[in-house]
Structure formats: C-alpha cells, structure tokens
N, C-alpha and C. Protein backbone atom coordinates (compact mmCIF):
# COMPACT_ATOMS: atom_id res chain seq x y z
N UNK A 1 95.99 178.08 121.23
CA UNK A 1 96.27 177.70 122.34
C UNK A 1 95.15 177.58 123.33
N UNK A 2 93.87 177.80 123.14
CA UNK A 2 92.95 177.74 124.38
C UNK A 2 92.70 176.35 124.78
N UNK A 3 92.91 175.57 123.66
CA UNK A 3 92.69 173.96 124.24
C UNK A 3 93.81 173.79 124.91
N UNK A 4 95.03 174.14 124.52
CA UNK A 4 96.10 173.57 125.16
C UNK A 4 96.37 174.22 126.46
N UNK A 5 95.80 175.16 126.69
CA UNK A 5 95.78 175.87 128.04
C UNK A 5 94.59 174.99 128.97
N UNK A 6 93.60 174.62 128.49
CA UNK A 6 92.72 173.92 129.19
C UNK A 6 93.11 172.57 129.61
N UNK A 7 93.85 172.14 128.73
CA UNK A 7 94.58 170.64 129.09
C UNK A 7 95.57 170.85 130.06
N UNK A 8 96.19 171.89 129.96
CA UNK A 8 97.31 172.14 130.98
C UNK A 8 96.80 172.51 132.74
N UNK A 9 95.58 173.30 132.30
CA UNK A 9 94.72 173.43 133.68
C UNK A 9 94.35 172.40 134.26
N UNK A 10 93.70 171.23 133.47
CA UNK A 10 93.32 170.16 133.90
C UNK A 10 94.33 169.04 134.53
N UNK A 11 95.48 169.21 133.74
CA UNK A 11 96.46 168.25 134.15
C UNK A 11 97.01 168.89 135.85
N UNK A 12 97.01 170.06 135.98
CA UNK A 12 97.47 170.80 137.13
C UNK A 12 96.29 170.33 138.22
N UNK A 13 95.09 170.76 138.13
CA UNK A 13 93.95 170.44 138.81
C UNK A 13 94.11 168.91 139.17
N UNK A 14 94.39 167.88 138.39
CA UNK A 14 94.38 166.47 138.81
C UNK A 14 95.43 166.16 139.77
N UNK A 15 96.59 166.93 139.47
CA UNK A 15 97.91 166.66 140.37
C UNK A 15 97.53 167.21 141.88
N UNK A 16 96.86 168.45 141.79
CA UNK A 16 96.48 169.32 142.89
C UNK A 16 95.72 168.47 143.86
N UNK A 17 94.65 167.48 143.29
CA UNK A 17 93.70 166.97 143.62
C UNK A 17 94.06 165.43 144.32
N UNK A 18 95.25 165.18 144.08
CA UNK A 18 95.76 163.92 144.37
C UNK A 18 96.91 163.65 145.02
N UNK A 19 97.50 164.78 145.69
CA UNK A 19 98.53 164.99 146.42
C UNK A 19 98.35 165.99 147.73
N UNK A 20 98.67 165.68 148.80
CA UNK A 20 98.60 166.54 150.22
C UNK A 20 99.73 167.35 150.38
N UNK A 21 100.69 167.24 150.53
CA UNK A 21 101.83 168.08 150.74
C UNK A 21 103.04 168.58 150.18
N UNK A 22 103.50 169.69 150.07
CA UNK A 22 104.60 169.76 149.62
C UNK A 22 105.99 169.12 149.93
N UNK A 23 106.57 168.72 148.95
CA UNK A 23 107.69 167.85 149.29
C UNK A 23 109.04 168.32 148.81
N UNK A 24 110.09 168.15 149.30
CA UNK A 24 111.51 168.57 148.73
C UNK A 24 111.51 168.28 147.52
N UNK A 25 112.25 169.14 146.37
CA UNK A 25 112.56 168.87 144.98
C UNK A 25 113.38 167.43 145.09
N UNK A 26 113.08 166.67 144.37
CA UNK A 26 113.83 165.11 144.44
C UNK A 26 115.30 164.84 143.70
N UNK A 27 116.24 164.86 144.12
CA UNK A 27 117.60 164.71 143.62
C UNK A 27 117.74 165.85 142.54
N UNK A 28 118.16 166.65 142.92
CA UNK A 28 117.99 168.02 141.55
C UNK A 28 119.13 167.64 140.99
N UNK A 29 120.34 166.97 141.31
CA UNK A 29 121.56 166.96 140.36
C UNK A 29 121.30 165.48 139.42
N UNK A 30 120.39 164.20 139.95
CA UNK A 30 120.31 163.40 139.15
C UNK A 30 120.02 163.40 138.25
N UNK A 31 120.10 163.05 136.63
CA UNK A 31 119.19 162.98 135.38
C UNK A 31 118.31 162.49 135.62
N UNK A 32 117.07 163.09 134.85
CA UNK A 32 115.90 162.39 134.66
C UNK A 32 115.59 161.97 132.93
N UNK A 33 116.82 162.41 132.04
CA UNK A 33 116.64 162.12 130.90
C UNK A 33 117.62 160.98 130.67
N UNK A 34 117.38 160.14 129.35
CA UNK A 34 118.50 159.31 128.95
C UNK A 34 119.69 159.97 128.46
N UNK A 35 121.04 159.49 128.79
CA UNK A 35 122.24 159.80 128.80
C UNK A 35 122.25 160.81 126.91
N UNK A 36 121.80 159.84 126.28
CA UNK A 36 121.90 160.09 124.93
C UNK A 36 121.17 161.54 124.44
N UNK A 37 120.17 162.17 125.47
CA UNK A 37 119.34 163.11 125.33
C UNK A 37 120.58 164.47 125.11
N UNK A 38 121.71 164.21 125.90
CA UNK A 38 122.55 165.44 126.07
C UNK A 38 123.12 165.74 124.59
N UNK A 39 123.17 165.00 123.64
CA UNK A 39 123.67 165.11 122.44
C UNK A 39 122.50 166.02 121.45
N UNK A 40 121.22 166.12 121.89
CA UNK A 40 120.57 166.95 121.14
C UNK A 40 120.72 168.44 121.60
N UNK A 41 121.33 169.19 120.73
CA UNK A 41 121.69 170.31 121.09
C UNK A 41 120.86 171.59 120.36
N UNK A 42 120.91 172.81 121.28
CA UNK A 42 119.90 173.74 121.19
C UNK A 42 120.25 174.43 120.02
N UNK A 43 119.40 174.42 118.85
CA UNK A 43 119.57 175.27 117.70
C UNK A 43 119.37 176.82 117.64
N UNK A 44 118.47 177.16 118.76
CA UNK A 44 118.12 178.76 118.82
C UNK A 44 119.16 179.16 119.63
N UNK A 45 119.61 180.01 118.98
CA UNK A 45 120.93 181.25 120.01
C UNK A 45 119.93 181.95 121.01
N UNK A 46 120.08 181.85 122.26
CA UNK A 46 119.69 182.75 123.28
C UNK A 46 119.86 184.29 122.93
N UNK A 47 118.54 184.71 123.03
CA UNK A 47 118.46 186.30 122.85
C UNK A 47 117.41 186.78 123.37
N UNK A 48 117.24 188.17 123.49
CA UNK A 48 115.96 188.64 124.31
C UNK A 48 114.78 188.22 123.70
N UNK A 49 114.87 188.40 122.04
CA UNK A 49 113.52 187.83 121.50
C UNK A 49 113.23 186.18 121.85
N UNK A 50 114.14 185.34 121.75
CA UNK A 50 114.00 184.19 122.00
C UNK A 50 113.59 183.68 123.38
N UNK A 51 114.08 184.63 124.32
CA UNK A 51 113.95 184.49 125.92
C UNK A 51 112.42 184.93 126.13
N UNK A 52 112.14 186.00 125.45
CA UNK A 52 110.50 186.36 125.46
C UNK A 52 109.44 185.50 125.14
N UNK A 53 109.83 185.11 123.93
CA UNK A 53 108.95 183.92 123.33
C UNK A 53 108.77 182.50 124.20
N UNK A 54 110.07 182.36 124.87
CA UNK A 54 110.18 181.12 125.91
C UNK A 54 109.09 181.29 126.91
N UNK A 55 109.28 182.95 127.42
CA UNK A 55 108.51 182.97 128.84
C UNK A 55 107.05 182.94 128.26
N UNK A 56 106.66 183.68 127.23
CA UNK A 56 105.27 183.56 126.78
C UNK A 56 104.78 182.28 126.83
N UNK A 57 105.56 181.69 126.07
CA UNK A 57 104.93 179.73 126.01
C UNK A 57 104.98 179.31 127.16
N UNK A 58 105.72 179.61 128.25
CA UNK A 58 105.97 178.72 129.45
C UNK A 58 104.67 179.22 130.08
N UNK A 59 104.11 180.77 130.08
CA UNK A 59 102.87 180.75 130.52
C UNK A 59 101.64 180.33 129.90
N UNK A 60 101.77 180.32 128.63
CA UNK A 60 100.78 180.29 127.95
C UNK A 60 100.46 178.36 127.81
N UNK A 61 101.71 177.55 128.23
CA UNK A 61 101.24 176.19 128.41
C UNK A 61 100.80 175.84 129.59
N UNK A 62 101.25 176.69 130.50
CA UNK A 62 100.89 176.20 131.86
C UNK A 62 101.98 175.95 132.88
N UNK A 63 103.18 175.71 132.31
CA UNK A 63 104.33 175.46 132.99
C UNK A 63 104.65 176.22 134.37
N UNK A 64 104.14 177.25 134.41
CA UNK A 64 104.04 178.55 135.71
C UNK A 64 103.32 177.55 136.73
N UNK A 65 101.82 177.16 136.30
CA UNK A 65 101.41 176.62 137.24
C UNK A 65 102.13 175.29 138.14
N UNK A 66 103.06 174.67 137.82
CA UNK A 66 103.80 174.00 138.76
C UNK A 66 105.16 174.78 139.17
N UNK A 67 105.86 175.17 138.25
CA UNK A 67 107.31 175.53 138.29
C UNK A 67 106.99 177.24 138.67
N UNK A 68 106.04 177.83 138.80
CA UNK A 68 105.91 179.20 139.51
C UNK A 68 106.21 180.33 138.23
N UNK A 69 105.86 181.38 138.72
CA UNK A 69 106.14 182.76 137.48
C UNK A 69 107.50 182.82 137.47
N UNK A 70 108.34 182.90 138.78
CA UNK A 70 109.56 182.78 138.76
C UNK A 70 110.64 181.76 138.56
N UNK A 71 109.90 180.56 138.38
CA UNK A 71 110.65 179.36 137.97
C UNK A 71 111.26 178.72 138.78
N UNK A 72 111.11 179.13 140.05
CA UNK A 72 111.55 178.44 141.37
C UNK A 72 110.61 177.21 141.83
N UNK A 73 109.75 176.73 141.45
CA UNK A 73 109.21 175.29 141.72
C UNK A 73 108.31 175.70 142.87
N UNK A 74 107.60 176.96 142.95
CA UNK A 74 106.70 177.11 143.71
C UNK A 74 105.23 177.75 143.04
N UNK A 75 105.21 177.21 142.09
CA UNK A 75 103.77 177.57 141.63
C UNK A 75 102.78 176.88 142.19
N UNK A 76 101.12 177.52 141.94
CA UNK A 76 99.99 177.28 142.56
C UNK A 76 99.72 175.77 142.93
N UNK A 77 100.22 175.09 141.96
CA UNK A 77 100.08 173.54 142.12
C UNK A 77 101.03 172.88 142.52
N UNK A 78 102.45 173.55 142.76
CA UNK A 78 103.37 172.76 143.77
C UNK A 78 103.15 172.63 145.04
N UNK A 79 102.04 172.96 145.82
CA UNK A 79 101.79 172.45 147.14
C UNK A 79 101.55 171.28 147.37
N UNK A 80 100.69 170.76 146.29
CA UNK A 80 100.51 169.08 146.31
C UNK A 80 101.35 168.27 145.86
N UNK A 81 102.68 168.56 145.31
CA UNK A 81 103.54 167.65 144.84
C UNK A 81 104.43 167.20 145.80
N UNK A 82 104.82 165.80 145.23
CA UNK A 82 106.09 165.34 145.84
C UNK A 82 106.53 163.81 144.74
N UNK A 83 107.96 164.45 144.55
CA UNK A 83 108.68 165.66 144.74
C UNK A 83 107.89 167.07 144.21
N UNK A 84 108.57 168.05 144.84
CA UNK A 84 108.21 169.35 144.16
C UNK A 84 108.62 169.40 142.86
N UNK A 85 107.97 170.66 141.88
CA UNK A 85 108.59 170.55 140.83
C UNK A 85 110.17 171.05 140.84
N UNK A 86 110.84 171.03 139.52
CA UNK A 86 112.08 171.80 139.44
C UNK A 86 112.29 173.29 139.94
N UNK A 87 113.11 173.55 140.27
CA UNK A 87 113.59 174.95 140.82
C UNK A 87 114.65 175.39 139.45
N UNK A 88 113.81 176.36 138.50
CA UNK A 88 114.83 176.45 137.50
C UNK A 88 116.03 177.46 137.90
N UNK A 89 115.99 177.93 139.04
CA UNK A 89 116.85 179.17 139.58
C UNK A 89 117.97 178.54 140.25
N UNK A 90 118.08 177.44 140.54
CA UNK A 90 119.29 176.57 141.09
C UNK A 90 120.44 176.57 139.98
N UNK A 91 121.30 177.26 140.26
CA UNK A 91 122.52 177.43 139.27
C UNK A 91 123.25 176.41 139.06
N UNK A 92 123.39 175.39 140.23
CA UNK A 92 124.02 174.10 140.13
C UNK A 92 123.30 173.18 139.35
N UNK A 93 121.81 172.96 139.27
CA UNK A 93 121.14 172.21 138.49
C UNK A 93 121.25 172.76 137.01
N UNK A 94 120.94 173.70 136.77
CA UNK A 94 121.50 174.49 135.54
C UNK A 94 122.45 173.95 134.67
N UNK A 95 123.71 174.20 135.78
CA UNK A 95 125.38 173.49 135.19
C UNK A 95 125.28 172.12 134.88
N UNK A 96 124.62 171.58 135.49
CA UNK A 96 124.44 170.33 135.55
C UNK A 96 123.91 169.34 134.15
N UNK A 97 122.79 170.32 133.61
CA UNK A 97 121.84 169.66 132.76
C UNK A 97 122.22 170.38 131.32
N UNK A 98 122.12 169.36 130.34
CA UNK A 98 122.18 169.71 128.90
C UNK A 98 120.73 170.30 128.36
N UNK A 99 120.73 170.95 127.35
CA UNK A 99 119.34 171.57 126.92
C UNK A 99 118.55 170.42 126.28
N UNK A 100 119.57 169.40 125.97
CA UNK A 100 118.79 168.20 125.11
C UNK A 100 118.08 167.40 126.18
N UNK A 101 118.71 167.54 127.51
CA UNK A 101 117.75 166.89 128.85
C UNK A 101 116.71 167.32 128.90
N UNK A 102 116.83 168.90 128.97
CA UNK A 102 115.41 169.57 129.45
C UNK A 102 114.55 169.00 128.17
N UNK A 103 114.65 169.34 126.89
CA UNK A 103 113.92 169.11 125.96
C UNK A 103 113.44 167.65 126.02
N UNK A 104 113.96 166.59 126.26
CA UNK A 104 113.39 165.41 126.38
C UNK A 104 112.38 165.59 127.72
N UNK A 105 112.75 165.89 128.82
CA UNK A 105 112.03 166.02 129.96
C UNK A 105 110.73 166.81 129.37
N UNK A 106 110.64 167.66 128.95
CA UNK A 106 109.56 168.85 128.52
C UNK A 106 108.70 167.69 127.48
N UNK A 107 109.18 167.13 126.45
CA UNK A 107 108.70 166.56 125.65
C UNK A 107 107.88 164.93 126.37
N UNK A 108 108.70 164.41 127.05
CA UNK A 108 108.39 163.15 127.37
C UNK A 108 108.07 162.74 129.04
N UNK A 109 108.20 164.17 129.52
CA UNK A 109 107.89 163.91 131.19
C UNK A 109 108.81 163.34 131.98
N UNK A 110 108.55 163.21 133.13
CA UNK A 110 109.69 162.50 134.18
C UNK A 110 108.96 161.50 135.24
N UNK A 111 109.40 160.23 134.93
CA UNK A 111 108.87 159.27 135.68
C UNK A 111 109.14 159.66 137.04
N UNK A 112 108.34 159.46 138.16
CA UNK A 112 108.35 159.46 139.27
C UNK A 112 108.07 160.46 140.19
N UNK A 113 107.85 161.75 138.96
CA UNK A 113 107.29 163.27 139.42
C UNK A 113 106.15 163.25 138.66
N UNK A 114 105.65 164.60 139.10
CA UNK A 114 104.40 165.27 138.27
C UNK A 114 104.37 165.40 136.83
N UNK A 115 105.80 166.00 136.47
CA UNK A 115 106.07 166.08 135.60
C UNK A 115 105.25 165.43 134.31
N UNK A 116 104.60 165.90 133.29
CA UNK A 116 103.98 165.19 132.05
C UNK A 116 104.68 165.64 131.09
N UNK A 117 104.39 164.62 130.34
CA UNK A 117 104.79 164.97 128.71
C UNK A 117 103.97 165.97 128.03
N UNK A 118 104.77 167.07 127.42
CA UNK A 118 104.02 168.24 126.77
C UNK A 118 104.35 168.40 125.52
N UNK A 119 104.69 167.34 124.60
CA UNK A 119 105.22 167.64 123.25
C UNK A 119 103.78 168.09 122.47
N UNK A 120 102.90 167.42 122.96
CA UNK A 120 101.44 167.78 122.11
C UNK A 120 101.15 169.08 122.44
N UNK A 121 101.63 170.01 123.45
CA UNK A 121 101.31 171.62 123.83
C UNK A 121 102.18 172.28 122.77
N UNK A 122 102.64 171.89 122.11
CA UNK A 122 103.68 172.93 121.24
C UNK A 122 103.06 172.65 119.44
N UNK A 123 102.42 173.97 118.94
CA UNK A 123 102.01 173.81 117.76
C UNK A 123 103.32 173.81 116.83
N UNK A 124 104.55 174.23 117.16
CA UNK A 124 105.55 173.99 116.59
C UNK A 124 106.68 173.32 117.58
N UNK A 125 106.92 172.10 117.36
CA UNK A 125 107.73 171.52 118.18
C UNK A 125 109.31 172.14 118.52
N UNK A 126 109.66 172.89 117.57
CA UNK A 126 110.70 173.76 117.69
C UNK A 126 111.14 174.40 118.85
N UNK A 127 109.90 175.11 119.12
CA UNK A 127 109.61 176.01 120.19
C UNK A 127 109.93 175.95 121.24
N UNK A 128 110.17 174.58 121.63
CA UNK A 128 110.63 173.96 122.82
C UNK A 128 111.88 174.57 123.23
N UNK A 129 112.95 175.02 122.20
CA UNK A 129 114.29 175.74 122.18
C UNK A 129 114.11 177.05 123.08
N UNK A 130 112.76 177.70 122.62
CA UNK A 130 112.46 179.23 123.12
C UNK A 130 112.43 178.81 124.57
N UNK A 131 111.69 177.95 124.99
CA UNK A 131 111.13 177.55 126.52
C UNK A 131 112.49 177.43 127.18
N UNK A 132 113.14 176.54 126.63
CA UNK A 132 114.70 176.31 127.28
C UNK A 132 115.31 177.50 127.30
N UNK A 133 115.69 178.38 126.18
CA UNK A 133 116.29 179.71 126.54
C UNK A 133 115.72 180.36 127.77
N UNK A 134 114.37 180.40 127.72
CA UNK A 134 113.80 181.27 128.87
C UNK A 134 113.97 180.40 129.97
N UNK A 135 114.10 179.17 130.30
CA UNK A 135 114.42 178.63 131.59
C UNK A 135 116.21 178.89 132.11
N UNK A 136 116.74 178.70 130.99
CA UNK A 136 118.01 179.25 131.30
C UNK A 136 118.60 180.20 131.76
N UNK A 137 117.68 181.26 131.73
CA UNK A 137 117.42 183.03 132.04
C UNK A 137 117.46 183.18 133.70
N UNK A 138 116.80 181.78 133.90
CA UNK A 138 116.35 182.08 135.32
C UNK A 138 117.04 181.71 136.31
N UNK A 139 118.65 181.13 135.80
CA UNK A 139 119.66 180.76 136.73
C UNK A 139 119.96 182.07 137.52
N UNK A 140 120.20 181.77 139.02
CA UNK A 140 120.40 182.65 139.88
C UNK A 140 122.03 182.95 140.17
C-alpha cells in the first residue's frame, strides 16, 4: 500500500497546487454516476468489522486528504477545491445516493470535480464495499 499512498498523496498535492480557494459542495443532491449504477448492490453487510476495515482503507488510500478524517469534506486538501469534496455526514445526500453510485464514483471519479478515479488503489476491488459501509456510518 505504500505505492498507493504515494500516488494518493501526489494527486492531493496536484489538486492543492492548482486551486486557490474553498468553494461550496456542488449540487449535493444531483447524481454524479450513471443511473444504471444504482442497480449495483452492496454484497457486504454493514458490520463493525466491515466499517472498521472501510475506515482503515479510507485513511490508507488517502480519501481523508480531501474528505477529511470526519468525512465532512474538510480534509487538508479541500481548501483548494472548487467545488469542495463531498460531505459524507450529510444525511439528505446519504439518503439520495445508492451504494452502486458511490462505487461508480470511487472507481471512475467525478467529472467537473477533483474526485479522481481510484479503482487502481484497491488490491481487491471488492474492498470498495467496506469503504462504502464506512462512508454510510458517517451519516449524521
């Protein structure tokens, strides 16, 4: 995972160096994944172990650099992003997005934002479901 962490750190550094000011989260209720992604169901039941694994991966891959340790979109790199990263604590957004949409965005990135494609960051692509279970645990 050292190589993956280095890749994530480089991506965060590039984003930070290319933007100047924090901007509001862009259209939190508008989907950023194709409608067909909704059909992709999470095969991993949410459990304490899954959430813990997801949190470890979230930190290891570097998601917290943008989304913050609390998942509120206020990571160290967020100050330079326009729009700002997703706020995973937003209950309305959580309720509006399907797990398959999250998977699609994590793997393929999000056009018009600094969210990069992260599929290559996972040794086992199925681990993305643990990250999604962690993201779901952040809802307030």
